[in-house]
Amino acid sequence: MTAYITVGFTPLNKELIQAYSAKAASTIAKFEGEFLAKAPVQSLSGSRLYEYQAIIAFPTKIQAESWYNSAEYQELINLRDRGMNSSFQLIG
């Protein structure tokens, strides 16, 4: 069953986000993940917590969890946290 990781984020430093994104993309691909969407949020109801949302699809929940917990991705978390305020959720 397909699993999704949703990411809400607000940029703090665009240069750091670009560096993080370039490195994170290759780690996602290793676990057969792919970005389905990444764009500014348009609220239809309620308040928004973050300026942007991203949706990443993985073939299985195990692959999604394995990606997030992988050594390669864990090495990027400090860079991510300096570049943006974010929240990651797993659905599936």
PDB file of N, CA and C in Angstrom:
ATOM      1  N   MET A   1       0.840  -1.183   0.000  1.00  0.00           N
ATOM      2  CA  MET A   1       0.000   0.000   0.000  1.00  0.00           C
ATOM      3  C   MET A   1       0.882   1.242   0.000  1.00  0.00           C
ATOM      4  N   THR A   2       0.567   2.186  -0.840  1.00  0.00           N
ATOM      5  CA  THR A   2       1.339   3.424  -0.922  1.00  0.00           C
ATOM      6  C   THR A   2       1.266   4.178   0.396  1.00  0.00           C
ATOM      7  N   ALA A   3       2.380   4.760   0.789  1.00  0.00           N
ATOM      8  CA  ALA A   3       2.458   5.593   1.990  1.00  0.00           C
ATOM      9  C   ALA A   3       2.907   6.983   1.569  1.00  0.00           C
ATOM     10  N   TYR A   4       2.454   7.977   2.312  1.00  0.00           N
ATOM     11  CA  TYR A   4       2.762   9.362   1.984  1.00  0.00           C
ATOM     12  C   TYR A   4       3.388  10.047   3.186  1.00  0.00           C
ATOM     13  N   ILE A   5       4.378  10.850   2.915  1.00  0.00           N
ATOM     14  CA  ILE A   5       4.915  11.744   3.939  1.00  0.00           C
ATOM     15  C   ILE A   5       4.514  13.142   3.517  1.00  0.00           C
ATOM     16  N   THR A   6       3.814  13.826   4.419  1.00  0.00           N
ATOM     17  CA  THR A   6       3.455  15.211   4.158  1.00  0.00           C
ATOM     18  C   THR A   6       4.386  16.091   4.981  1.00  0.00           C
ATOM     19  N   VAL A   7       4.795  17.169   4.366  1.00  0.00           N
ATOM     20  CA  VAL A   7       5.734  18.079   5.001  1.00  0.00           C
ATOM     21  C   VAL A   7       5.160  19.484   4.949  1.00  0.00           C
ATOM     22  N   GLY A   8       4.980  20.079   6.109  1.00  0.00           N
ATOM     23  CA  GLY A   8       4.637  21.493   6.184  1.00  0.00           C
ATOM     24  C   GLY A   8       5.899  22.237   6.551  1.00  0.00           C
ATOM     25  N   PHE A   9       6.163  23.342   5.853  1.00  0.00           N
ATOM     26  CA  PHE A   9       7.379  24.078   6.200  1.00  0.00           C
ATOM     27  C   PHE A   9       7.268  25.569   5.895  1.00  0.00           C
ATOM     28  N   THR A  10       8.016  26.325   6.674  1.00  0.00           N
ATOM     29  CA  THR A  10       8.161  27.763   6.479  1.00  0.00           C
ATOM     30  C   THR A  10       9.652  28.052   6.386  1.00  0.00           C
ATOM     31  N   PRO A  11      10.094  28.653   5.280  1.00  0.00           N
ATOM     32  CA  PRO A  11      11.523  28.916   5.099  1.00  0.00           C
ATOM     33  C   PRO A  11      12.089  29.875   6.152  1.00  0.00           C
ATOM     34  N   LEU A  12      13.309  29.586   6.568  1.00  0.00           N
ATOM     35  CA  LEU A  12      14.093  30.478   7.420  1.00  0.00           C
ATOM     36  C   LEU A  12      15.293  31.023   6.652  1.00  0.00           C
ATOM     37  N   ASN A  13      15.872  30.177   5.793  1.00  0.00           N
ATOM     38  CA  ASN A  13      17.055  30.536   5.021  1.00  0.00           C
ATOM     39  C   ASN A  13      16.978  29.804   3.681  1.00  0.00           C
ATOM     40  N   LYS A  14      16.700  30.529   2.622  1.00  0.00           N
ATOM     41  CA  LYS A  14      16.470  29.897   1.317  1.00  0.00           C
ATOM     42  C   LYS A  14      17.714  29.197   0.770  1.00  0.00           C
ATOM     43  N   GLU A  15      18.900  29.704   1.045  1.00  0.00           N
ATOM     44  CA  GLU A  15      20.126  29.041   0.579  1.00  0.00           C
ATOM     45  C   GLU A  15      20.293  27.678   1.251  1.00  0.00           C
ATOM     46  N   LEU A  16      20.021  27.615   2.543  1.00  0.00           N
ATOM     47  CA  LEU A  16      20.123  26.340   3.256  1.00  0.00           C
ATOM     48  C   LEU A  16      19.049  25.363   2.779  1.00  0.00           C
ATOM     49  N   ILE A  17      17.855  25.863   2.485  1.00  0.00           N
ATOM     50  CA  ILE A  17      16.791  24.996   1.963  1.00  0.00           C
ATOM     51  C   ILE A  17      17.202  24.408   0.621  1.00  0.00           C
ATOM     52  N   GLN A  18      17.800  25.203  -0.243  1.00  0.00           N
ATOM     53  CA  GLN A  18      18.240  24.702  -1.549  1.00  0.00           C
ATOM     54  C   GLN A  18      19.291  23.606  -1.381  1.00  0.00           C
ATOM     55  N   ALA A  19      20.229  23.809  -0.476  1.00  0.00           N
ATOM     56  CA  ALA A  19      21.262  22.800  -0.225  1.00  0.00           C
ATOM     57  C   ALA A  19      20.627  21.529   0.341  1.00  0.00           C
ATOM     58  N   TYR A  20      19.724  21.694   1.282  1.00  0.00           N
ATOM     59  CA  TYR A  20      19.025  20.544   1.870  1.00  0.00           C
ATOM     60  C   TYR A  20      18.222  19.792   0.807  1.00  0.00           C
ATOM     61  N   SER A  21      17.449  20.518   0.020  1.00  0.00           N
ATOM     62  CA  SER A  21      16.584  19.896  -0.982  1.00  0.00           C
ATOM     63  C   SER A  21      17.384  19.088  -1.999  1.00  0.00           C
ATOM     64  N   ALA A  22      18.507  19.634  -2.438  1.00  0.00           N
ATOM     65  CA  ALA A  22      19.342  18.927  -3.415  1.00  0.00           C
ATOM     66  C   ALA A  22      19.851  17.604  -2.839  1.00  0.00           C
ATOM     67  N   LYS A  23      20.260  17.626  -1.587  1.00  0.00           N
ATOM     68  CA  LYS A  23      20.781  16.408  -0.956  1.00  0.00           C
ATOM     69  C   LYS A  23      19.662  15.437  -0.584  1.00  0.00           C
ATOM     70  N   ALA A  24      18.528  15.953  -0.123  1.00  0.00           N
ATOM     71  CA  ALA A  24      17.416  15.086   0.296  1.00  0.00           C
ATOM     72  C   ALA A  24      16.819  14.337  -0.888  1.00  0.00           C
ATOM     73  N   ALA A  25      16.774  14.961  -2.045  1.00  0.00           N
ATOM     74  CA  ALA A  25      16.164  14.325  -3.225  1.00  0.00           C
ATOM     75  C   ALA A  25      16.826  12.988  -3.549  1.00  0.00           C
ATOM     76  N   SER A  26      18.143  12.926  -3.460  1.00  0.00           N
ATOM     77  CA  SER A  26      18.821  11.665  -3.781  1.00  0.00           C
ATOM     78  C   SER A  26      18.548  10.595  -2.729  1.00  0.00           C
ATOM     79  N   THR A  27      18.363  10.992  -1.470  1.00  0.00           N
ATOM     80  CA  THR A  27      18.047  10.002  -0.441  1.00  0.00           C
ATOM     81  C   THR A  27      16.633   9.465  -0.636  1.00  0.00           C
ATOM     82  N   ILE A  28      15.717  10.300  -1.058  1.00  0.00           N
ATOM     83  CA  ILE A  28      14.333   9.875  -1.311  1.00  0.00           C
ATOM     84  C   ILE A  28      14.303   8.857  -2.443  1.00  0.00           C
ATOM     85  N   ALA A  29      15.043   9.129  -3.507  1.00  0.00           N
ATOM     86  CA  ALA A  29      15.066   8.236  -4.676  1.00  0.00           C
ATOM     87  C   ALA A  29      15.578   6.841  -4.309  1.00  0.00           C
ATOM     88  N   LYS A  30      16.522   6.749  -3.376  1.00  0.00           N
ATOM     89  CA  LYS A  30      17.062   5.444  -2.969  1.00  0.00           C
ATOM     90  C   LYS A  30      15.996   4.533  -2.365  1.00  0.00           C
ATOM     91  N   PHE A  31      14.917   5.132  -1.853  1.00  0.00           N
ATOM     92  CA  PHE A  31      13.838   4.361  -1.241  1.00  0.00           C
ATOM     93  C   PHE A  31      12.584   4.384  -2.116  1.00  0.00           C
ATOM     94  N   GLU A  32      12.773   4.668  -3.406  1.00  0.00           N
ATOM     95  CA  GLU A  32      11.710   4.687  -4.402  1.00  0.00           C
ATOM     96  C   GLU A  32      10.625   5.718  -4.107  1.00  0.00           C
ATOM     97  N   GLY A  33      11.014   6.781  -3.420  1.00  0.00           N
ATOM     98  CA  GLY A  33      10.069   7.851  -3.139  1.00  0.00           C
ATOM     99  C   GLY A  33      10.055   8.863  -4.269  1.00  0.00           C
ATOM    100  N   GLU A  34       8.940   9.584  -4.363  1.00  0.00           N
ATOM    101  CA  GLU A  34       8.849  10.640  -5.367  1.00  0.00           C
ATOM    102  C   GLU A  34       7.970  11.765  -4.853  1.00  0.00           C
ATOM    103  N   PHE A  35       8.350  12.989  -5.217  1.00  0.00           N
ATOM    104  CA  PHE A  35       7.545  14.150  -4.858  1.00  0.00           C
ATOM    105  C   PHE A  35       6.300  14.178  -5.726  1.00  0.00           C
ATOM    106  N   LEU A  36       5.147  14.311  -5.093  1.00  0.00           N
ATOM    107  CA  LEU A  36       3.899  14.472  -5.828  1.00  0.00           C
ATOM    108  C   LEU A  36       3.518  15.937  -5.934  1.00  0.00           C
ATOM    109  N   ALA A  37       3.863  16.709  -4.914  1.00  0.00           N
ATOM    110  CA  ALA A  37       3.532  18.136  -4.906  1.00  0.00           C
ATOM    111  C   ALA A  37       4.448  18.860  -3.933  1.00  0.00           C
ATOM    112  N   LYS A  38       4.738  20.117  -4.273  1.00  0.00           N
ATOM    113  CA  LYS A  38       5.498  21.000  -3.382  1.00  0.00           C
ATOM    114  C   LYS A  38       5.164  22.415  -3.816  1.00  0.00           C
ATOM    115  N   ALA A  39       4.416  23.137  -2.957  1.00  0.00           N
ATOM    116  CA  ALA A  39       3.940  24.452  -3.369  1.00  0.00           C
ATOM    117  C   ALA A  39       3.483  25.266  -2.159  1.00  0.00           C
ATOM    118  N   PRO A  40       3.302  26.574  -2.359  1.00  0.00           N
ATOM    119  CA  PRO A  40       2.720  27.392  -1.293  1.00  0.00           C
ATOM    120  C   PRO A  40       1.310  26.892  -0.959  1.00  0.00           C
ATOM    121  N   VAL A  41       0.931  27.064   0.291  1.00  0.00           N
ATOM    122  CA  VAL A  41      -0.375  26.628   0.767  1.00  0.00           C
ATOM    123  C   VAL A  41      -1.412  27.707   0.511  1.00  0.00           C
ATOM    124  N   GLN A  42      -2.560  27.282   0.028  1.00  0.00           N
ATOM    125  CA  GLN A  42      -3.727  28.154  -0.084  1.00  0.00           C
ATOM    126  C   GLN A  42      -4.773  27.584   0.865  1.00  0.00           C
ATOM    127  N   SER A  43      -5.058  28.288   1.940  1.00  0.00           N
ATOM    128  CA  SER A  43      -6.038  27.793   2.909  1.00  0.00           C
ATOM    129  C   SER A  43      -7.445  27.925   2.346  1.00  0.00           C
ATOM    130  N   LEU A  44      -8.180  26.839   2.439  1.00  0.00           N
ATOM    131  CA  LEU A  44      -9.585  26.844   2.043  1.00  0.00           C
ATOM    132  C   LEU A  44     -10.488  26.939   3.261  1.00  0.00           C
ATOM    133  N   SER A  45      -9.981  26.466   4.410  1.00  0.00           N
ATOM    134  CA  SER A  45     -10.730  26.519   5.652  1.00  0.00           C
ATOM    135  C   SER A  45      -9.737  26.417   6.802  1.00  0.00           C
ATOM    136  N   GLY A  46      -9.970  27.152   7.846  1.00  0.00           N
ATOM    137  CA  GLY A  46      -9.083  27.091   9.007  1.00  0.00           C
ATOM    138  C   GLY A  46      -7.800  27.870   8.785  1.00  0.00           C
ATOM    139  N   SER A  47      -6.905  27.766   9.753  1.00  0.00           N
ATOM    140  CA  SER A  47      -5.641  28.497   9.669  1.00  0.00           C
ATOM    141  C   SER A  47      -4.537  27.574   9.180  1.00  0.00           C
ATOM    142  N   ARG A  48      -3.568  28.154   8.531  1.00  0.00           N
ATOM    143  CA  ARG A  48      -2.432  27.367   8.065  1.00  0.00           C
ATOM    144  C   ARG A  48      -1.278  27.541   9.051  1.00  0.00           C
ATOM    145  N   LEU A  49      -0.542  26.473   9.253  1.00  0.00           N
ATOM    146  CA  LEU A  49       0.584  26.524  10.174  1.00  0.00           C
ATOM    147  C   LEU A  49       1.896  26.828   9.461  1.00  0.00           C
ATOM    148  N   TYR A  50       1.973  26.447   8.181  1.00  0.00           N
ATOM    149  CA  TYR A  50       3.204  26.608   7.421  1.00  0.00           C
ATOM    150  C   TYR A  50       2.898  27.250   6.081  1.00  0.00           C
ATOM    151  N   GLU A  51       3.897  27.894   5.491  1.00  0.00           N
ATOM    152  CA  GLU A  51       3.717  28.571   4.204  1.00  0.00           C
ATOM    153  C   GLU A  51       3.637  27.605   3.034  1.00  0.00           C
ATOM    154  N   TYR A  52       4.309  26.453   3.142  1.00  0.00           N
ATOM    155  CA  TYR A  52       4.388  25.490   2.045  1.00  0.00           C
ATOM    156  C   TYR A  52       4.012  24.097   2.534  1.00  0.00           C
ATOM    157  N   GLN A  53       3.605  23.260   1.578  1.00  0.00           N
ATOM    158  CA  GLN A  53       3.361  21.848   1.840  1.00  0.00           C
ATOM    159  C   GLN A  53       4.021  21.033   0.733  1.00  0.00           C
ATOM    160  N   ALA A  54       4.482  19.862   1.105  1.00  0.00           N
ATOM    161  CA  ALA A  54       5.016  18.909   0.134  1.00  0.00           C
ATOM    162  C   ALA A  54       4.412  17.547   0.441  1.00  0.00           C
ATOM    163  N   ILE A  55       4.235  16.752  -0.604  1.00  0.00           N
ATOM    164  CA  ILE A  55       3.751  15.382  -0.456  1.00  0.00           C
ATOM    165  C   ILE A  55       4.740  14.476  -1.173  1.00  0.00           C
ATOM    166  N   ILE A  56       5.248  13.487  -0.439  1.00  0.00           N
ATOM    167  CA  ILE A  56       6.204  12.530  -0.986  1.00  0.00           C
ATOM    168  C   ILE A  56       5.550  11.146  -0.894  1.00  0.00           C
ATOM    169  N   ALA A  57       5.516  10.420  -1.998  1.00  0.00           N
ATOM    170  CA  ALA A  57       4.925   9.082  -2.034  1.00  0.00           C
ATOM    171  C   ALA A  57       6.017   8.023  -2.026  1.00  0.00           C
ATOM    172  N   PHE A  58       5.779   6.963  -1.268  1.00  0.00           N
ATOM    173  CA  PHE A  58       6.652   5.786  -1.225  1.00  0.00           C
ATOM    174  C   PHE A  58       5.798   4.558  -1.496  1.00  0.00           C
ATOM    175  N   PRO A  59       6.369   3.523  -2.098  1.00  0.00           N
ATOM    176  CA  PRO A  59       5.579   2.320  -2.376  1.00  0.00           C
ATOM    177  C   PRO A  59       4.974   1.675  -1.131  1.00  0.00           C
ATOM    178  N   THR A  60       5.686   1.760   0.002  1.00  0.00           N
ATOM    179  CA  THR A  60       5.196   1.137   1.234  1.00  0.00           C
ATOM    180  C   THR A  60       5.527   2.009   2.440  1.00  0.00           C
ATOM    181  N   LYS A  61       4.848   1.741   3.532  1.00  0.00           N
ATOM    182  CA  LYS A  61       5.132   2.428   4.794  1.00  0.00           C
ATOM    183  C   LYS A  61       6.554   2.114   5.263  1.00  0.00           C
ATOM    184  N   ILE A  62       6.964   0.876   5.078  1.00  0.00           N
ATOM    185  CA  ILE A  62       8.316   0.478   5.497  1.00  0.00           C
ATOM    186  C   ILE A  62       9.369   1.292   4.752  1.00  0.00           C
ATOM    187  N   GLN A  63       9.182   1.515   3.458  1.00  0.00           N
ATOM    188  CA  GLN A  63      10.150   2.310   2.698  1.00  0.00           C
ATOM    189  C   GLN A  63      10.143   3.770   3.154  1.00  0.00           C
ATOM    190  N   ALA A  64       8.974   4.310   3.466  1.00  0.00           N
ATOM    191  CA  ALA A  64       8.887   5.689   3.954  1.00  0.00           C
ATOM    192  C   ALA A  64       9.616   5.836   5.287  1.00  0.00           C
ATOM    193  N   GLU A  65       9.356   4.920   6.205  1.00  0.00           N
ATOM    194  CA  GLU A  65      10.028   4.955   7.509  1.00  0.00           C
ATOM    195  C   GLU A  65      11.527   4.715   7.359  1.00  0.00           C
ATOM    196  N   SER A  66      11.883   3.795   6.484  1.00  0.00           N
ATOM    197  CA  SER A  66      13.307   3.500   6.267  1.00  0.00           C
ATOM    198  C   SER A  66      14.031   4.708   5.707  1.00  0.00           C
ATOM    199  N   TRP A  67      13.375   5.430   4.795  1.00  0.00           N
ATOM    200  CA  TRP A  67      13.990   6.660   4.271  1.00  0.00           C
ATOM    201  C   TRP A  67      14.224   7.652   5.408  1.00  0.00           C
ATOM    202  N   TYR A  68      13.168   7.962   6.175  1.00  0.00           N
ATOM    203  CA  TYR A  68      13.297   8.985   7.211  1.00  0.00           C
ATOM    204  C   TYR A  68      14.343   8.606   8.246  1.00  0.00           C
ATOM    205  N   ASN A  69      14.421   7.337   8.580  1.00  0.00           N
ATOM    206  CA  ASN A  69      15.359   6.880   9.609  1.00  0.00           C
ATOM    207  C   ASN A  69      16.737   6.512   9.076  1.00  0.00           C
ATOM    208  N   SER A  70      16.931   6.601   7.757  1.00  0.00           N
ATOM    209  CA  SER A  70      18.223   6.231   7.176  1.00  0.00           C
ATOM    210  C   SER A  70      19.335   7.162   7.652  1.00  0.00           C
ATOM    211  N   ALA A  71      20.532   6.623   7.721  1.00  0.00           N
ATOM    212  CA  ALA A  71      21.689   7.428   8.131  1.00  0.00           C
ATOM    213  C   ALA A  71      21.889   8.607   7.193  1.00  0.00           C
ATOM    214  N   GLU A  72      21.682   8.381   5.890  1.00  0.00           N
ATOM    215  CA  GLU A  72      21.881   9.462   4.905  1.00  0.00           C
ATOM    216  C   GLU A  72      20.924  10.621   5.161  1.00  0.00           C
ATOM    217  N   TYR A  73      19.651  10.300   5.451  1.00  0.00           N
ATOM    218  CA  TYR A  73      18.704  11.391   5.698  1.00  0.00           C
ATOM    219  C   TYR A  73      18.933  12.014   7.067  1.00  0.00           C
ATOM    220  N   GLN A  74      19.203  11.221   8.068  1.00  0.00           N
ATOM    221  CA  GLN A  74      19.428  11.755   9.417  1.00  0.00           C
ATOM    222  C   GLN A  74      20.577  12.761   9.439  1.00  0.00           C
ATOM    223  N   GLU A  75      21.566  12.573   8.577  1.00  0.00           N
ATOM    224  CA  GLU A  75      22.678  13.524   8.486  1.00  0.00           C
ATOM    225  C   GLU A  75      22.227  14.893   7.986  1.00  0.00           C
ATOM    226  N   LEU A  76      21.090  14.966   7.322  1.00  0.00           N
ATOM    227  CA  LEU A  76      20.598  16.225   6.747  1.00  0.00           C
ATOM    228  C   LEU A  76      19.679  17.005   7.678  1.00  0.00           C
ATOM    229  N   ILE A  77      19.280  16.415   8.789  1.00  0.00           N
ATOM    230  CA  ILE A  77      18.286  17.058   9.650  1.00  0.00           C
ATOM    231  C   ILE A  77      18.784  18.376  10.234  1.00  0.00           C
ATOM    232  N   ASN A  78      20.024  18.458  10.614  1.00  0.00           N
ATOM    233  CA  ASN A  78      20.555  19.719  11.134  1.00  0.00           C
ATOM    234  C   ASN A  78      20.471  20.813  10.073  1.00  0.00           C
ATOM    235  N   LEU A  79      20.846  20.490   8.841  1.00  0.00           N
ATOM    236  CA  LEU A  79      20.748  21.444   7.733  1.00  0.00           C
ATOM    237  C   LEU A  79      19.290  21.832   7.517  1.00  0.00           C
ATOM    238  N   ARG A  80      18.395  20.854   7.491  1.00  0.00           N
ATOM    239  CA  ARG A  80      16.961  21.112   7.328  1.00  0.00           C
ATOM    240  C   ARG A  80      16.452  22.066   8.399  1.00  0.00           C
ATOM    241  N   ASP A  81      16.780  21.796   9.648  1.00  0.00           N
ATOM    242  CA  ASP A  81      16.258  22.591  10.755  1.00  0.00           C
ATOM    243  C   ASP A  81      16.818  24.007  10.792  1.00  0.00           C
ATOM    244  N   ARG A  82      17.993  24.211  10.226  1.00  0.00           N
ATOM    245  CA  ARG A  82      18.528  25.576  10.126  1.00  0.00           C
ATOM    246  C   ARG A  82      17.892  26.329   8.963  1.00  0.00           C
ATOM    247  N   GLY A  83      17.385  25.607   7.968  1.00  0.00           N
ATOM    248  CA  GLY A  83      16.803  26.239   6.788  1.00  0.00           C
ATOM    249  C   GLY A  83      15.312  26.471   6.855  1.00  0.00           C
ATOM    250  N   MET A  84      14.618  25.712   7.726  1.00  0.00           N
ATOM    251  CA  MET A  84      13.160  25.844   7.766  1.00  0.00           C
ATOM    252  C   MET A  84      12.579  25.353   9.083  1.00  0.00           C
ATOM    253  N   ASN A  85      11.434  25.902   9.431  1.00  0.00           N
ATOM    254  CA  ASN A  85      10.589  25.310  10.467  1.00  0.00           C
ATOM    255  C   ASN A  85       9.727  24.307   9.738  1.00  0.00           C
ATOM    256  N   SER A  86       9.631  23.085  10.255  1.00  0.00           N
ATOM    257  CA  SER A  86       8.888  22.075   9.504  1.00  0.00           C
ATOM    258  C   SER A  86       8.236  21.058  10.406  1.00  0.00           C
ATOM    259  N   SER A  87       7.328  20.299   9.791  1.00  0.00           N
ATOM    260  CA  SER A  87       6.636  19.208  10.446  1.00  0.00           C
ATOM    261  C   SER A  87       6.447  18.115   9.420  1.00  0.00           C
ATOM    262  N   PHE A  88       6.799  16.875   9.770  1.00  0.00           N
ATOM    263  CA  PHE A  88       6.684  15.724   8.884  1.00  0.00           C
ATOM    264  C   PHE A  88       5.655  14.752   9.460  1.00  0.00           C
ATOM    265  N   GLN A  89       4.744  14.271   8.626  1.00  0.00           N
ATOM    266  CA  GLN A  89       3.771  13.272   9.038  1.00  0.00           C
ATOM    267  C   GLN A  89       3.770  12.128   8.050  1.00  0.00           C
ATOM    268  N   LEU A  90       3.545  10.925   8.556  1.00  0.00           N
ATOM    269  CA  LEU A  90       3.449   9.728   7.726  1.00  0.00           C
ATOM    270  C   LEU A  90       1.987   9.301   7.670  1.00  0.00           C
ATOM    271  N   ILE A  91       1.503   9.091   6.452  1.00  0.00           N
ATOM    272  CA  ILE A  91       0.128   8.625   6.237  1.00  0.00           C
ATOM    273  C   ILE A  91       0.201   7.321   5.466  1.00  0.00           C
ATOM    274  N   GLY A  92      -0.389   6.287   6.008  1.00  0.00           N
ATOM    275  CA  GLY A  92      -0.415   5.016   5.287  1.00  0.00           C
ATOM    276  C   GLY A  92       0.058   3.869   6.116  1.00  0.00           C
TER     277      GLY A  92
END
